[in-house]
Amino acid sequence: MYLDLIIFILTICVYLPIAGVLLYAWHKFGYKEHAVDIARRIFLGGSAILFFFMLFM
């Protein structure tokens, strides 16, 4: 039980800052491009799916 919680917290602590930097870079350098918008939506959708999968494990 505690190992699952530790893995969840470590994943959140590592994944969120990296995802934030990626989304910031996409917004700053490619916000007018259609392909960047599609990539951002796919990334956010996949991230949400992974987050909910981790919550309900």
PDB file of N, CA and C in Angstrom:
ATOM      1  N   MET A   1       0.827  -1.198   0.000  1.00  0.00           N
ATOM      2  CA  MET A   1       0.000   0.000   0.000  1.00  0.00           C
ATOM      3  C   MET A   1       0.867   1.256   0.000  1.00  0.00           C
ATOM      4  N   TYR A   2       1.846   1.299   0.883  1.00  0.00           N
ATOM      5  CA  TYR A   2       2.675   2.496   0.970  1.00  0.00           C
ATOM      6  C   TYR A   2       3.573   2.654  -0.253  1.00  0.00           C
ATOM      7  N   LEU A   3       3.995   1.535  -0.829  1.00  0.00           N
ATOM      8  CA  LEU A   3       4.829   1.603  -2.026  1.00  0.00           C
ATOM      9  C   LEU A   3       4.054   2.220  -3.187  1.00  0.00           C
ATOM     10  N   ASP A   4       2.784   1.883  -3.329  1.00  0.00           N
ATOM     11  CA  ASP A   4       1.957   2.476  -4.379  1.00  0.00           C
ATOM     12  C   ASP A   4       1.835   3.985  -4.193  1.00  0.00           C
ATOM     13  N   LEU A   5       1.665   4.410  -2.968  1.00  0.00           N
ATOM     14  CA  LEU A   5       1.546   5.836  -2.683  1.00  0.00           C
ATOM     15  C   LEU A   5       2.849   6.564  -2.969  1.00  0.00           C
ATOM     16  N   ILE A   6       3.960   5.975  -2.616  1.00  0.00           N
ATOM     17  CA  ILE A   6       5.254   6.596  -2.871  1.00  0.00           C
ATOM     18  C   ILE A   6       5.510   6.713  -4.372  1.00  0.00           C
ATOM     19  N   ILE A   7       5.195   5.662  -5.111  1.00  0.00           N
ATOM     20  CA  ILE A   7       5.365   5.707  -6.565  1.00  0.00           C
ATOM     21  C   ILE A   7       4.459   6.764  -7.176  1.00  0.00           C
ATOM     22  N   PHE A   8       3.224   6.875  -6.708  1.00  0.00           N
ATOM     23  CA  PHE A   8       2.283   7.871  -7.214  1.00  0.00           C
ATOM     24  C   PHE A   8       2.801   9.280  -6.950  1.00  0.00           C
ATOM     25  N   ILE A   9       3.262   9.543  -5.755  1.00  0.00           N
ATOM     26  CA  ILE A   9       3.751  10.882  -5.396  1.00  0.00           C
ATOM     27  C   ILE A   9       5.008  11.227  -6.188  1.00  0.00           C
ATOM     28  N   LEU A  10       5.933  10.285  -6.310  1.00  0.00           N
ATOM     29  CA  LEU A  10       7.141  10.544  -7.086  1.00  0.00           C
ATOM     30  C   LEU A  10       6.829  10.794  -8.559  1.00  0.00           C
ATOM     31  N   THR A  11       5.895  10.045  -9.087  1.00  0.00           N
ATOM     32  CA  THR A  11       5.500  10.252 -10.483  1.00  0.00           C
ATOM     33  C   THR A  11       4.906  11.638 -10.677  1.00  0.00           C
ATOM     34  N   ILE A  12       4.054  12.050  -9.783  1.00  0.00           N
ATOM     35  CA  ILE A  12       3.448  13.381  -9.873  1.00  0.00           C
ATOM     36  C   ILE A  12       4.517  14.464  -9.745  1.00  0.00           C
ATOM     37  N   CYS A  13       5.444  14.294  -8.800  1.00  0.00           N
ATOM     38  CA  CYS A  13       6.484  15.300  -8.577  1.00  0.00           C
ATOM     39  C   CYS A  13       7.446  15.422  -9.758  1.00  0.00           C
ATOM     40  N   VAL A  14       7.652  14.363 -10.499  1.00  0.00           N
ATOM     41  CA  VAL A  14       8.544  14.408 -11.654  1.00  0.00           C
ATOM     42  C   VAL A  14       7.764  14.798 -12.920  1.00  0.00           C
ATOM     43  N   TYR A  15       6.584  14.253 -13.100  1.00  0.00           N
ATOM     44  CA  TYR A  15       5.841  14.417 -14.347  1.00  0.00           C
ATOM     45  C   TYR A  15       5.261  15.825 -14.500  1.00  0.00           C
ATOM     46  N   LEU A  16       4.727  16.387 -13.448  1.00  0.00           N
ATOM     47  CA  LEU A  16       4.080  17.693 -13.566  1.00  0.00           C
ATOM     48  C   LEU A  16       5.030  18.815 -13.986  1.00  0.00           C
ATOM     49  N   PRO A  17       6.204  18.946 -13.380  1.00  0.00           N
ATOM     50  CA  PRO A  17       7.103  20.010 -13.856  1.00  0.00           C
ATOM     51  C   PRO A  17       7.563  19.820 -15.303  1.00  0.00           C
ATOM     52  N   ILE A  18       7.845  18.579 -15.674  1.00  0.00           N
ATOM     53  CA  ILE A  18       8.277  18.314 -17.050  1.00  0.00           C
ATOM     54  C   ILE A  18       7.142  18.617 -18.025  1.00  0.00           C
ATOM     55  N   ALA A  19       5.940  18.225 -17.683  1.00  0.00           N
ATOM     56  CA  ALA A  19       4.786  18.503 -18.544  1.00  0.00           C
ATOM     57  C   ALA A  19       4.529  20.009 -18.625  1.00  0.00           C
ATOM     58  N   GLY A  20       4.707  20.709 -17.517  1.00  0.00           N
ATOM     59  CA  GLY A  20       4.524  22.158 -17.517  1.00  0.00           C
ATOM     60  C   GLY A  20       5.504  22.862 -18.433  1.00  0.00           C
ATOM     61  N   VAL A  21       6.751  22.438 -18.405  1.00  0.00           N
ATOM     62  CA  VAL A  21       7.762  23.028 -19.287  1.00  0.00           C
ATOM     63  C   VAL A  21       7.431  22.739 -20.746  1.00  0.00           C
ATOM     64  N   LEU A  22       7.032  21.530 -21.031  1.00  0.00           N
ATOM     65  CA  LEU A  22       6.671  21.157 -22.406  1.00  0.00           C
ATOM     66  C   LEU A  22       5.488  21.984 -22.900  1.00  0.00           C
ATOM     67  N   LEU A  23       4.460  22.112 -22.093  1.00  0.00           N
ATOM     68  CA  LEU A  23       3.290  22.893 -22.506  1.00  0.00           C
ATOM     69  C   LEU A  23       3.627  24.371 -22.664  1.00  0.00           C
ATOM     70  N   TYR A  24       4.498  24.893 -21.790  1.00  0.00           N
ATOM     71  CA  TYR A  24       4.930  26.287 -21.914  1.00  0.00           C
ATOM     72  C   TYR A  24       5.690  26.505 -23.225  1.00  0.00           C
ATOM     73  N   ALA A  25       6.600  25.596 -23.545  1.00  0.00           N
ATOM     74  CA  ALA A  25       7.375  25.731 -24.780  1.00  0.00           C
ATOM     75  C   ALA A  25       6.461  25.638 -25.998  1.00  0.00           C
ATOM     76  N   TRP A  26       5.500  24.719 -25.966  1.00  0.00           N
ATOM     77  CA  TRP A  26       4.560  24.613 -27.087  1.00  0.00           C
ATOM     78  C   TRP A  26       3.757  25.892 -27.235  1.00  0.00           C
ATOM     79  N   HIS A  27       3.343  26.472 -26.118  1.00  0.00           N
ATOM     80  CA  HIS A  27       2.537  27.690 -26.181  1.00  0.00           C
ATOM     81  C   HIS A  27       3.381  28.868 -26.673  1.00  0.00           C
ATOM     82  N   LYS A  28       4.602  28.963 -26.195  1.00  0.00           N
ATOM     83  CA  LYS A  28       5.435  30.113 -26.538  1.00  0.00           C
ATOM     84  C   LYS A  28       5.901  30.075 -27.987  1.00  0.00           C
ATOM     85  N   PHE A  29       6.294  28.912 -28.479  1.00  0.00           N
ATOM     86  CA  PHE A  29       6.924  28.842 -29.785  1.00  0.00           C
ATOM     87  C   PHE A  29       6.028  28.302 -30.899  1.00  0.00           C
ATOM     88  N   GLY A  30       4.863  27.763 -30.573  1.00  0.00           N
ATOM     89  CA  GLY A  30       4.068  27.188 -31.647  1.00  0.00           C
ATOM     90  C   GLY A  30       2.572  27.316 -31.467  1.00  0.00           C
ATOM     91  N   TYR A  31       2.121  28.359 -30.791  1.00  0.00           N
ATOM     92  CA  TYR A  31       0.688  28.442 -30.484  1.00  0.00           C
ATOM     93  C   TYR A  31      -0.172  28.724 -31.710  1.00  0.00           C
ATOM     94  N   LYS A  32       0.420  29.184 -32.806  1.00  0.00           N
ATOM     95  CA  LYS A  32      -0.376  29.476 -34.000  1.00  0.00           C
ATOM     96  C   LYS A  32      -0.432  28.306 -34.976  1.00  0.00           C
ATOM     97  N   GLU A  33       0.334  27.265 -34.712  1.00  0.00           N
ATOM     98  CA  GLU A  33       0.387  26.139 -35.642  1.00  0.00           C
ATOM     99  C   GLU A  33      -0.663  25.093 -35.270  1.00  0.00           C
ATOM    100  N   HIS A  34      -1.313  24.573 -36.282  1.00  0.00           N
ATOM    101  CA  HIS A  34      -2.376  23.583 -36.085  1.00  0.00           C
ATOM    102  C   HIS A  34      -1.811  22.267 -35.546  1.00  0.00           C
ATOM    103  N   ALA A  35      -0.650  21.861 -36.032  1.00  0.00           N
ATOM    104  CA  ALA A  35      -0.045  20.598 -35.593  1.00  0.00           C
ATOM    105  C   ALA A  35       0.320  20.640 -34.110  1.00  0.00           C
ATOM    106  N   VAL A  36       0.777  21.785 -33.637  1.00  0.00           N
ATOM    107  CA  VAL A  36       1.117  21.924 -32.222  1.00  0.00           C
ATOM    108  C   VAL A  36      -0.139  21.830 -31.369  1.00  0.00           C
ATOM    109  N   ASP A  37      -1.222  22.389 -31.841  1.00  0.00           N
ATOM    110  CA  ASP A  37      -2.492  22.309 -31.121  1.00  0.00           C
ATOM    111  C   ASP A  37      -2.961  20.858 -31.011  1.00  0.00           C
ATOM    112  N   ILE A  38      -2.833  20.111 -32.088  1.00  0.00           N
ATOM    113  CA  ILE A  38      -3.221  18.696 -32.063  1.00  0.00           C
ATOM    114  C   ILE A  38      -2.327  17.920 -31.097  1.00  0.00           C
ATOM    115  N   ALA A  39      -1.009  18.165 -31.165  1.00  0.00           N
ATOM    116  CA  ALA A  39      -0.070  17.476 -30.270  1.00  0.00           C
ATOM    117  C   ALA A  39      -0.366  17.802 -28.814  1.00  0.00           C
ATOM    118  N   ARG A  40      -0.688  19.058 -28.526  1.00  0.00           N
ATOM    119  CA  ARG A  40      -0.993  19.460 -27.149  1.00  0.00           C
ATOM    120  C   ARG A  40      -2.262  18.769 -26.645  1.00  0.00           C
ATOM    121  N   ARG A  41      -3.262  18.672 -27.490  1.00  0.00           N
ATOM    122  CA  ARG A  41      -4.512  18.002 -27.082  1.00  0.00           C
ATOM    123  C   ARG A  41      -4.300  16.510 -26.839  1.00  0.00           C
ATOM    124  N   ILE A  42      -3.526  15.873 -27.709  1.00  0.00           N
ATOM    125  CA  ILE A  42      -3.240  14.451 -27.531  1.00  0.00           C
ATOM    126  C   ILE A  42      -2.439  14.233 -26.257  1.00  0.00           C
ATOM    127  N   PHE A  43      -1.456  15.079 -26.017  1.00  0.00           N
ATOM    128  CA  PHE A  43      -0.635  14.968 -24.810  1.00  0.00           C
ATOM    129  C   PHE A  43      -1.478  15.147 -23.545  1.00  0.00           C
ATOM    130  N   LEU A  44      -2.322  16.158 -23.524  1.00  0.00           N
ATOM    131  CA  LEU A  44      -3.165  16.397 -22.346  1.00  0.00           C
ATOM    132  C   LEU A  44      -4.185  15.277 -22.142  1.00  0.00           C
ATOM    133  N   GLY A  45      -4.743  14.772 -23.224  1.00  0.00           N
ATOM    134  CA  GLY A  45      -5.677  13.649 -23.111  1.00  0.00           C
ATOM    135  C   GLY A  45      -4.996  12.401 -22.578  1.00  0.00           C
ATOM    136  N   GLY A  46      -3.831  12.096 -23.107  1.00  0.00           N
ATOM    137  CA  GLY A  46      -3.073  10.945 -22.622  1.00  0.00           C
ATOM    138  C   GLY A  46      -2.645  11.111 -21.178  1.00  0.00           C
ATOM    139  N   SER A  47      -2.262  12.324 -20.808  1.00  0.00           N
ATOM    140  CA  SER A  47      -1.878  12.586 -19.424  1.00  0.00           C
ATOM    141  C   SER A  47      -3.062  12.390 -18.479  1.00  0.00           C
ATOM    142  N   ALA A  48      -4.226  12.844 -18.897  1.00  0.00           N
ATOM    143  CA  ALA A  48      -5.419  12.669 -18.065  1.00  0.00           C
ATOM    144  C   ALA A  48      -5.769  11.191 -17.906  1.00  0.00           C
ATOM    145  N   ILE A  49      -5.666  10.445 -18.987  1.00  0.00           N
ATOM    146  CA  ILE A  49      -5.950   9.010 -18.914  1.00  0.00           C
ATOM    147  C   ILE A  49      -4.972   8.314 -17.970  1.00  0.00           C
ATOM    148  N   LEU A  50      -3.686   8.631 -18.088  1.00  0.00           N
ATOM    149  CA  LEU A  50      -2.691   8.034 -17.195  1.00  0.00           C
ATOM    150  C   LEU A  50      -2.935   8.412 -15.739  1.00  0.00           C
ATOM    151  N   PHE A  51      -3.302   9.675 -15.493  1.00  0.00           N
ATOM    152  CA  PHE A  51      -3.560  10.123 -14.132  1.00  0.00           C
ATOM    153  C   PHE A  51      -4.735   9.370 -13.518  1.00  0.00           C
ATOM    154  N   PHE A  52      -5.818   9.238 -14.268  1.00  0.00           N
ATOM    155  CA  PHE A  52      -6.981   8.524 -13.727  1.00  0.00           C
ATOM    156  C   PHE A  52      -6.709   7.031 -13.581  1.00  0.00           C
ATOM    157  N   PHE A  53      -5.891   6.476 -14.469  1.00  0.00           N
ATOM    158  CA  PHE A  53      -5.490   5.083 -14.326  1.00  0.00           C
ATOM    159  C   PHE A  53      -4.701   4.887 -13.034  1.00  0.00           C
ATOM    160  N   MET A  54      -3.808   5.818 -12.738  1.00  0.00           N
ATOM    161  CA  MET A  54      -3.012   5.724 -11.503  1.00  0.00           C
ATOM    162  C   MET A  54      -3.896   5.920 -10.274  1.00  0.00           C
ATOM    163  N   LEU A  55      -4.895   6.778 -10.367  1.00  0.00           N
ATOM    164  CA  LEU A  55      -5.778   7.000  -9.224  1.00  0.00           C
ATOM    165  C   LEU A  55      -6.581   5.757  -8.864  1.00  0.00           C
ATOM    166  N   PHE A  56      -7.027   5.026  -9.872  1.00  0.00           N
ATOM    167  CA  PHE A  56      -7.920   3.899  -9.622  1.00  0.00           C
ATOM    168  C   PHE A  56      -7.217   2.547  -9.614  1.00  0.00           C
ATOM    169  N   MET A  57      -5.883   2.554  -9.532  1.00  0.00           N
ATOM    170  CA  MET A  57      -5.146   1.289  -9.418  1.00  0.00           C
ATOM    171  C   MET A  57      -5.291   0.696  -8.057  1.00  0.00           C
TER     172      MET A  57
END
